[in-house]
């Protein structure tokens, strides 16, 4: 059993060539039993207010520099943005396996699909965990692209990497719900959904189930305090307050303390998927009925 570090769930640094082969996050614990079907989660305050705080109005949505482009021209512009941000002139300048890109397309609005040469050797660096799949590796490649262009491309919804023969593919998505950013309940729920999607990106293969509800993760890793997230509320735009229920995590190896462990990982996972103007700036976690509280700030976890 290995203890996850906070940074294990954070971004992978991009090298001079544009991107590096990502180091895979270690699991919180070995799964103890199979996941069960998801059940409804409480992600809102039991008695939420309907008014807006003075500072709760969201800023105007960011405009992409390529909003006038569509189809293949738009996809080309996103690849060019990635190259420009990485300081290279050709996709051949990326490190392996990103330099195996042969073509790309936009099958629908906001979606990019990138094809890789069939010669790709999966887990060539041996960094994957034994339970991780080819889909995990390809999905993580999508995250690396999002790290570079995602914030400045609000219209970008997902990136899929696939081998040319169609036998392997993985998709990284923003997991938006279409929430009104000025609706505190809806915005908090969207951030909760994005966090769950981020957990699924990492733990679906380990848990042998799609993590669509916190109960699924709890059945897989019952000693992790993330599995006991109860309520997610938003007192103002850009802010979240997360409550954790008591459970087997208490006084365990992840109670480090639990509030700081969860707050840092949660703000990273949500903001991985956020464009400019959509990020969580402040995330407070409350555990042990308020005896354990910690606040993570986005500025402390910038890349």
Protein backbone atom coordinates (compact mmCIF):
# COMPACT_ATOMS: atom_id res chain seq x y z
CA UNK A 1 0.00 0.00 0.00
CA UNK A 2 1.38 3.37 -0.96
CA UNK A 3 0.44 6.78 0.33
CA UNK A 4 -0.53 9.24 -2.37
CA UNK A 5 1.24 12.54 -2.24
CA UNK A 6 -0.68 15.68 -2.96
CA UNK A 7 1.26 16.19 -6.12
CA UNK A 8 0.51 12.70 -7.37
CA UNK A 9 -2.90 13.98 -8.36
CA UNK A 10 -1.59 17.23 -9.80
CA UNK A 11 -0.26 18.13 -13.21
CA UNK A 12 2.74 16.62 -14.91
CA UNK A 13 5.37 19.18 -15.83
CA UNK A 14 5.93 19.90 -19.50
CA UNK A 15 9.54 19.77 -20.60
CA UNK A 16 11.17 21.99 -23.17
CA UNK A 17 9.95 19.76 -25.94
CA UNK A 18 6.36 20.41 -25.01
CA UNK A 19 5.29 17.50 -22.83
CA UNK A 20 6.74 14.61 -20.95
CA UNK A 21 5.49 11.11 -20.38
CA UNK A 22 3.25 11.50 -17.31
CA UNK A 23 3.97 9.85 -14.01
CA UNK A 24 0.94 7.90 -12.96
CA UNK A 25 -0.70 8.58 -9.59
CA UNK A 26 -0.54 5.71 -7.13
CA UNK A 27 -3.78 4.38 -5.66
CA UNK A 28 -4.84 5.31 -2.16
CA UNK A 29 -5.19 1.64 -1.31
CA UNK A 30 -5.77 -1.70 -2.96
CA UNK A 31 -9.48 -2.26 -3.65
CA UNK A 32 -11.17 -4.36 -1.01
CA UNK A 33 -14.31 -5.26 -2.93
CA UNK A 34 -16.02 -4.57 -6.21
CA UNK A 35 -17.87 -1.32 -6.67
CA UNK A 36 -21.63 -1.30 -6.51
CA UNK A 37 -24.06 0.63 -8.64
CA UNK A 38 -23.97 4.37 -7.92
CA UNK A 39 -26.64 6.03 -5.82
CA UNK A 40 -27.70 9.65 -5.56
CA UNK A 41 -25.25 12.00 -3.84
CA UNK A 42 -26.02 15.07 -1.79
CA UNK A 43 -24.07 17.91 -3.33
CA UNK A 44 -26.12 20.86 -2.19
CA UNK A 45 -26.92 22.50 1.11
CA UNK A 46 -30.00 20.95 2.70
CA UNK A 47 -31.47 24.44 3.06
CA UNK A 48 -29.77 26.44 0.33
CA UNK A 49 -30.41 30.14 0.08
CA UNK A 50 -31.83 31.55 -3.11
CA UNK A 51 -30.17 34.97 -2.97
CA UNK A 52 -26.75 35.84 -4.37
CA UNK A 53 -23.91 37.26 -2.33
CA UNK A 54 -22.55 40.63 -3.47
CA UNK A 55 -19.41 39.02 -4.87
CA UNK A 56 -21.16 35.99 -6.32
CA UNK A 57 -21.71 37.33 -9.84
CA UNK A 58 -19.60 35.45 -12.34
CA UNK A 59 -17.39 37.35 -14.79
CA UNK A 60 -18.32 37.40 -18.45
CA UNK A 61 -17.35 34.14 -20.20
CA UNK A 62 -13.90 34.17 -21.75
CA UNK A 63 -13.81 34.31 -25.52
CA UNK A 64 -11.56 31.96 -27.43
CA UNK A 65 -9.13 33.41 -29.94
CA UNK A 66 -10.44 30.86 -32.43
CA UNK A 67 -14.21 31.14 -31.94
CA UNK A 68 -14.71 32.11 -35.59
CA UNK A 69 -13.09 28.90 -36.78
CA UNK A 70 -14.95 25.62 -37.19
CA UNK A 71 -14.25 22.07 -38.25
CA UNK A 72 -10.77 21.18 -39.42
CA UNK A 73 -9.56 24.80 -39.30
CA UNK A 74 -10.50 24.97 -35.62
CA UNK A 75 -8.77 21.66 -34.85
CA UNK A 76 -5.66 22.87 -36.69
CA UNK A 77 -5.67 26.07 -34.60
CA UNK A 78 -5.76 24.08 -31.35
CA UNK A 79 -2.79 21.94 -32.42
CA UNK A 80 -0.95 25.11 -33.44
CA UNK A 81 -1.72 26.69 -30.05
CA UNK A 82 -0.29 23.63 -28.33
CA UNK A 83 2.89 23.80 -30.42
CA UNK A 84 3.24 27.54 -29.83
CA UNK A 85 2.80 27.12 -26.08
CA UNK A 86 5.43 24.37 -26.14
CA UNK A 87 7.94 26.37 -28.18
CA UNK A 88 8.12 23.91 -31.07
CA UNK A 89 7.38 24.17 -34.79
CA UNK A 90 6.27 20.61 -35.49
CA UNK A 91 4.51 17.84 -33.61
CA UNK A 92 7.71 15.89 -34.17
CA UNK A 93 9.21 18.15 -31.51
CA UNK A 94 7.07 16.60 -28.78
CA UNK A 95 8.45 13.79 -26.67
CA UNK A 96 7.32 10.20 -27.16
CA UNK A 97 4.53 9.21 -27.66
CA UNK A 98 3.09 12.64 -28.50
CA UNK A 99 5.42 12.82 -31.51
CA UNK A 100 3.51 9.89 -33.03
CA UNK A 101 0.57 12.14 -33.95
CA UNK A 102 -0.29 11.62 -37.61
CA UNK A 103 -3.54 13.58 -38.02
CA UNK A 104 -6.42 15.19 -36.15
CA UNK A 105 -10.01 16.22 -36.75
CA UNK A 106 -13.02 17.89 -35.15
CA UNK A 107 -15.85 15.34 -35.47
CA UNK A 108 -18.20 17.74 -33.68
CA UNK A 109 -18.13 21.21 -32.16
CA UNK A 110 -15.68 21.52 -29.27
CA UNK A 111 -14.25 18.03 -29.79
CA UNK A 112 -10.78 17.11 -31.05
CA UNK A 113 -9.75 13.59 -32.02
CA UNK A 114 -6.04 12.98 -32.52
CA UNK A 115 -4.69 9.89 -34.27
CA UNK A 116 -1.43 8.19 -33.32
CA UNK A 117 0.70 5.87 -35.40
CA UNK A 118 -0.08 2.21 -34.75
CA UNK A 119 3.55 1.64 -33.77
CA UNK A 120 2.92 3.21 -30.35
CA UNK A 121 4.35 1.10 -27.54
CA UNK A 122 2.08 1.43 -24.52
CA UNK A 123 3.67 1.91 -21.10
CA UNK A 124 7.07 2.10 -22.76
CA UNK A 125 8.54 3.87 -19.74
CA UNK A 126 7.07 1.35 -17.28
CA UNK A 127 5.42 4.11 -15.24
CA UNK A 128 1.88 2.74 -15.33
CA UNK A 129 0.41 0.86 -12.41
CA UNK A 130 -0.39 -2.80 -13.01
CA UNK A 131 -4.14 -2.14 -13.11
CA UNK A 132 -3.95 0.74 -15.61
CA UNK A 133 -5.02 0.24 -19.19
CA UNK A 134 -4.21 1.63 -22.61
CA UNK A 135 -7.31 3.78 -22.32
CA UNK A 136 -5.88 5.33 -19.15
CA UNK A 137 -2.63 6.20 -20.91
CA UNK A 138 -4.41 7.78 -23.88
CA UNK A 139 -6.83 9.69 -21.64
CA UNK A 140 -3.89 11.08 -19.70
CA UNK A 141 -2.42 12.34 -22.96
CA UNK A 142 -5.62 14.35 -23.38
CA UNK A 143 -5.07 15.86 -19.93
CA UNK A 144 -1.57 16.93 -20.95
CA UNK A 145 -3.00 18.79 -23.95
CA UNK A 146 -5.66 20.40 -21.73
CA UNK A 147 -2.90 21.60 -19.39
CA UNK A 148 -1.43 23.59 -22.25
CA UNK A 149 -4.47 25.00 -24.07
CA UNK A 150 -7.54 24.28 -21.94
CA UNK A 151 -7.77 27.53 -19.97
CA UNK A 152 -7.55 29.68 -23.10
CA UNK A 153 -9.92 27.48 -25.11
CA UNK A 154 -13.32 27.70 -23.39
CA UNK A 155 -15.02 26.15 -26.42
CA UNK A 156 -12.93 22.98 -26.09
CA UNK A 157 -15.02 20.19 -24.54
CA UNK A 158 -12.91 17.06 -24.97
CA UNK A 159 -9.75 15.59 -26.47
CA UNK A 160 -9.53 11.99 -27.66
CA UNK A 161 -6.28 10.25 -28.51
CA UNK A 162 -6.61 7.07 -30.58
CA UNK A 163 -4.42 4.77 -32.62
CA UNK A 164 -5.06 4.91 -36.36
CA UNK A 165 -6.39 1.36 -36.44
CA UNK A 166 -9.16 2.33 -33.99
CA UNK A 167 -8.23 -0.41 -31.52
CA UNK A 168 -7.22 1.95 -28.70
CA UNK A 169 -8.63 5.29 -27.55
CA UNK A 170 -8.98 7.45 -24.47
CA UNK A 171 -10.91 10.69 -23.90
CA UNK A 172 -10.34 13.52 -21.46
CA UNK A 173 -13.40 15.76 -21.00
CA UNK A 174 -14.34 18.94 -19.15
CA UNK A 175 -17.50 17.20 -17.86
CA UNK A 176 -19.51 20.40 -17.87
CA UNK A 177 -23.19 20.32 -16.94
CA UNK A 178 -24.14 23.64 -18.55
CA UNK A 179 -24.77 25.28 -15.17
CA UNK A 180 -25.49 28.99 -14.91
CA UNK A 181 -22.38 30.34 -13.12
CA UNK A 182 -24.60 32.77 -11.19
CA UNK A 183 -26.76 29.96 -9.83
CA UNK A 184 -24.87 28.95 -6.70
CA UNK A 185 -26.53 25.53 -6.36
CA UNK A 186 -26.10 24.60 -10.02
CA UNK A 187 -22.51 25.84 -10.16
CA UNK A 188 -21.57 23.87 -7.03
CA UNK A 189 -23.14 20.75 -8.51
CA UNK A 190 -21.21 21.21 -11.76
CA UNK A 191 -17.92 21.44 -9.83
CA UNK A 192 -18.87 18.31 -7.90
CA UNK A 193 -19.57 16.49 -11.18
CA UNK A 194 -16.23 17.65 -12.61
CA UNK A 195 -14.43 16.45 -9.48
CA UNK A 196 -16.07 13.02 -9.77
CA UNK A 197 -15.07 12.89 -13.45
CA UNK A 198 -11.50 13.69 -12.44
CA UNK A 199 -11.58 10.87 -9.89
CA UNK A 200 -12.90 8.55 -12.57
CA UNK A 201 -10.07 9.57 -14.90
CA UNK A 202 -7.62 8.15 -12.37
CA UNK A 203 -9.46 5.36 -10.57
CA UNK A 204 -11.91 3.77 -13.01
CA UNK A 205 -9.52 0.95 -13.85
CA UNK A 206 -8.51 0.37 -10.24
CA UNK A 207 -12.12 0.25 -9.06
CA UNK A 208 -13.40 -1.70 -12.09
CA UNK A 209 -16.34 0.67 -12.27
CA UNK A 210 -17.19 4.11 -13.61
CA UNK A 211 -17.09 6.55 -10.71
CA UNK A 212 -20.32 8.48 -11.20
CA UNK A 213 -21.11 8.84 -7.48
CA UNK A 214 -19.02 9.05 -4.33
CA UNK A 215 -20.50 5.75 -3.11
CA UNK A 216 -18.76 3.92 -5.95
CA UNK A 217 -15.40 5.27 -4.84
CA UNK A 218 -16.22 4.51 -1.20
CA UNK A 219 -16.89 0.86 -2.00
CA UNK A 220 -13.53 0.73 -3.74
CA UNK A 221 -11.36 2.68 -1.26
CA UNK A 222 -13.23 2.94 2.05
CA UNK A 223 -10.24 4.31 3.98
CA UNK A 224 -9.89 7.43 1.81
CA UNK A 225 -11.59 10.60 3.16
CA UNK A 226 -12.44 11.64 -0.42
CA UNK A 227 -14.98 8.81 -0.33
CA UNK A 228 -16.99 10.61 2.37
CA UNK A 229 -17.63 13.94 0.65
CA UNK A 230 -21.18 14.81 1.70
CA UNK A 231 -22.12 18.36 0.74
CA UNK A 232 -20.63 20.78 -1.78
CA UNK A 233 -21.95 24.34 -1.61
CA UNK A 234 -20.92 27.67 -3.11
CA UNK A 235 -21.24 30.78 -0.92
CA UNK A 236 -19.91 32.99 -3.76
CA UNK A 237 -18.68 32.59 -7.32
CA UNK A 238 -15.28 30.90 -7.38
CA UNK A 239 -15.70 29.48 -3.88
CA UNK A 240 -16.68 26.02 -2.67
CA UNK A 241 -17.29 24.65 0.81
CA UNK A 242 -17.05 20.86 1.10
CA UNK A 243 -18.22 18.83 4.09
CA UNK A 244 -16.79 15.36 4.82
CA UNK A 245 -18.69 12.82 6.88
CA UNK A 246 -16.98 10.81 9.60
CA UNK A 247 -15.90 7.33 8.57
CA UNK A 248 -13.16 4.68 8.55
CA UNK A 249 -10.69 7.29 7.27
CA UNK A 250 -10.47 8.84 10.74
CA UNK A 251 -7.03 8.37 12.32
CA UNK A 252 -5.98 6.36 9.26
CA UNK A 253 -3.02 6.83 6.94
CA UNK A 254 -4.86 9.48 4.88
CA UNK A 255 -5.89 11.57 7.88
CA UNK A 256 -2.91 13.87 7.36
CA UNK A 257 -5.13 15.78 8.27
CA UNK A 258 -8.01 14.86 5.99
CA UNK A 259 -9.14 18.43 5.33
CA UNK A 260 -5.84 19.54 3.78
CA UNK A 261 -5.47 16.25 1.89
CA UNK A 262 -8.90 16.60 0.28
CA UNK A 263 -8.91 20.37 -0.28
CA UNK A 264 -5.66 20.40 -2.27
CA UNK A 265 -6.49 17.36 -4.40
CA UNK A 266 -10.05 18.49 -5.03
CA UNK A 267 -9.17 22.00 -6.24
CA UNK A 268 -6.54 20.55 -8.58
CA UNK A 269 -8.91 18.01 -10.12
CA UNK A 270 -11.69 20.54 -10.67
CA UNK A 271 -9.41 23.20 -12.13
CA UNK A 272 -7.78 20.66 -14.45
CA UNK A 273 -11.07 20.84 -16.36
CA UNK A 274 -11.71 24.59 -16.11
CA UNK A 275 -11.34 27.33 -18.70
CA UNK A 276 -10.57 30.94 -17.81
CA UNK A 277 -13.37 32.30 -15.63
CA UNK A 278 -14.54 28.83 -14.57
CA UNK A 279 -11.92 28.00 -11.96
CA UNK A 280 -12.43 27.45 -8.27
CA UNK A 281 -10.35 30.11 -6.53
CA UNK A 282 -10.98 28.99 -2.95
CA UNK A 283 -12.01 25.57 -1.66
CA UNK A 284 -12.63 24.92 2.03
CA UNK A 285 -13.04 21.42 3.45
CA UNK A 286 -14.73 20.84 6.80
CA UNK A 287 -14.25 17.50 8.58
CA UNK A 288 -14.83 16.15 12.09
CA UNK A 289 -17.82 18.47 12.60
CA UNK A 290 -15.62 21.53 12.12
CA UNK A 291 -12.67 20.43 14.24
CA UNK A 292 -10.60 19.81 11.10
CA UNK A 293 -10.80 22.59 8.50
CA UNK A 294 -8.49 23.59 5.66
CA UNK A 295 -8.68 26.00 2.73
CA UNK A 296 -6.88 25.54 -0.58
CA UNK A 297 -6.34 28.54 -2.86
CA UNK A 298 -5.96 28.25 -6.62
CA UNK A 299 -2.99 30.62 -6.60
CA UNK A 300 -1.10 28.12 -4.44
CA UNK A 301 -1.59 25.34 -6.99
CA UNK A 302 -0.95 27.13 -10.27
CA UNK A 303 1.23 25.29 -12.74
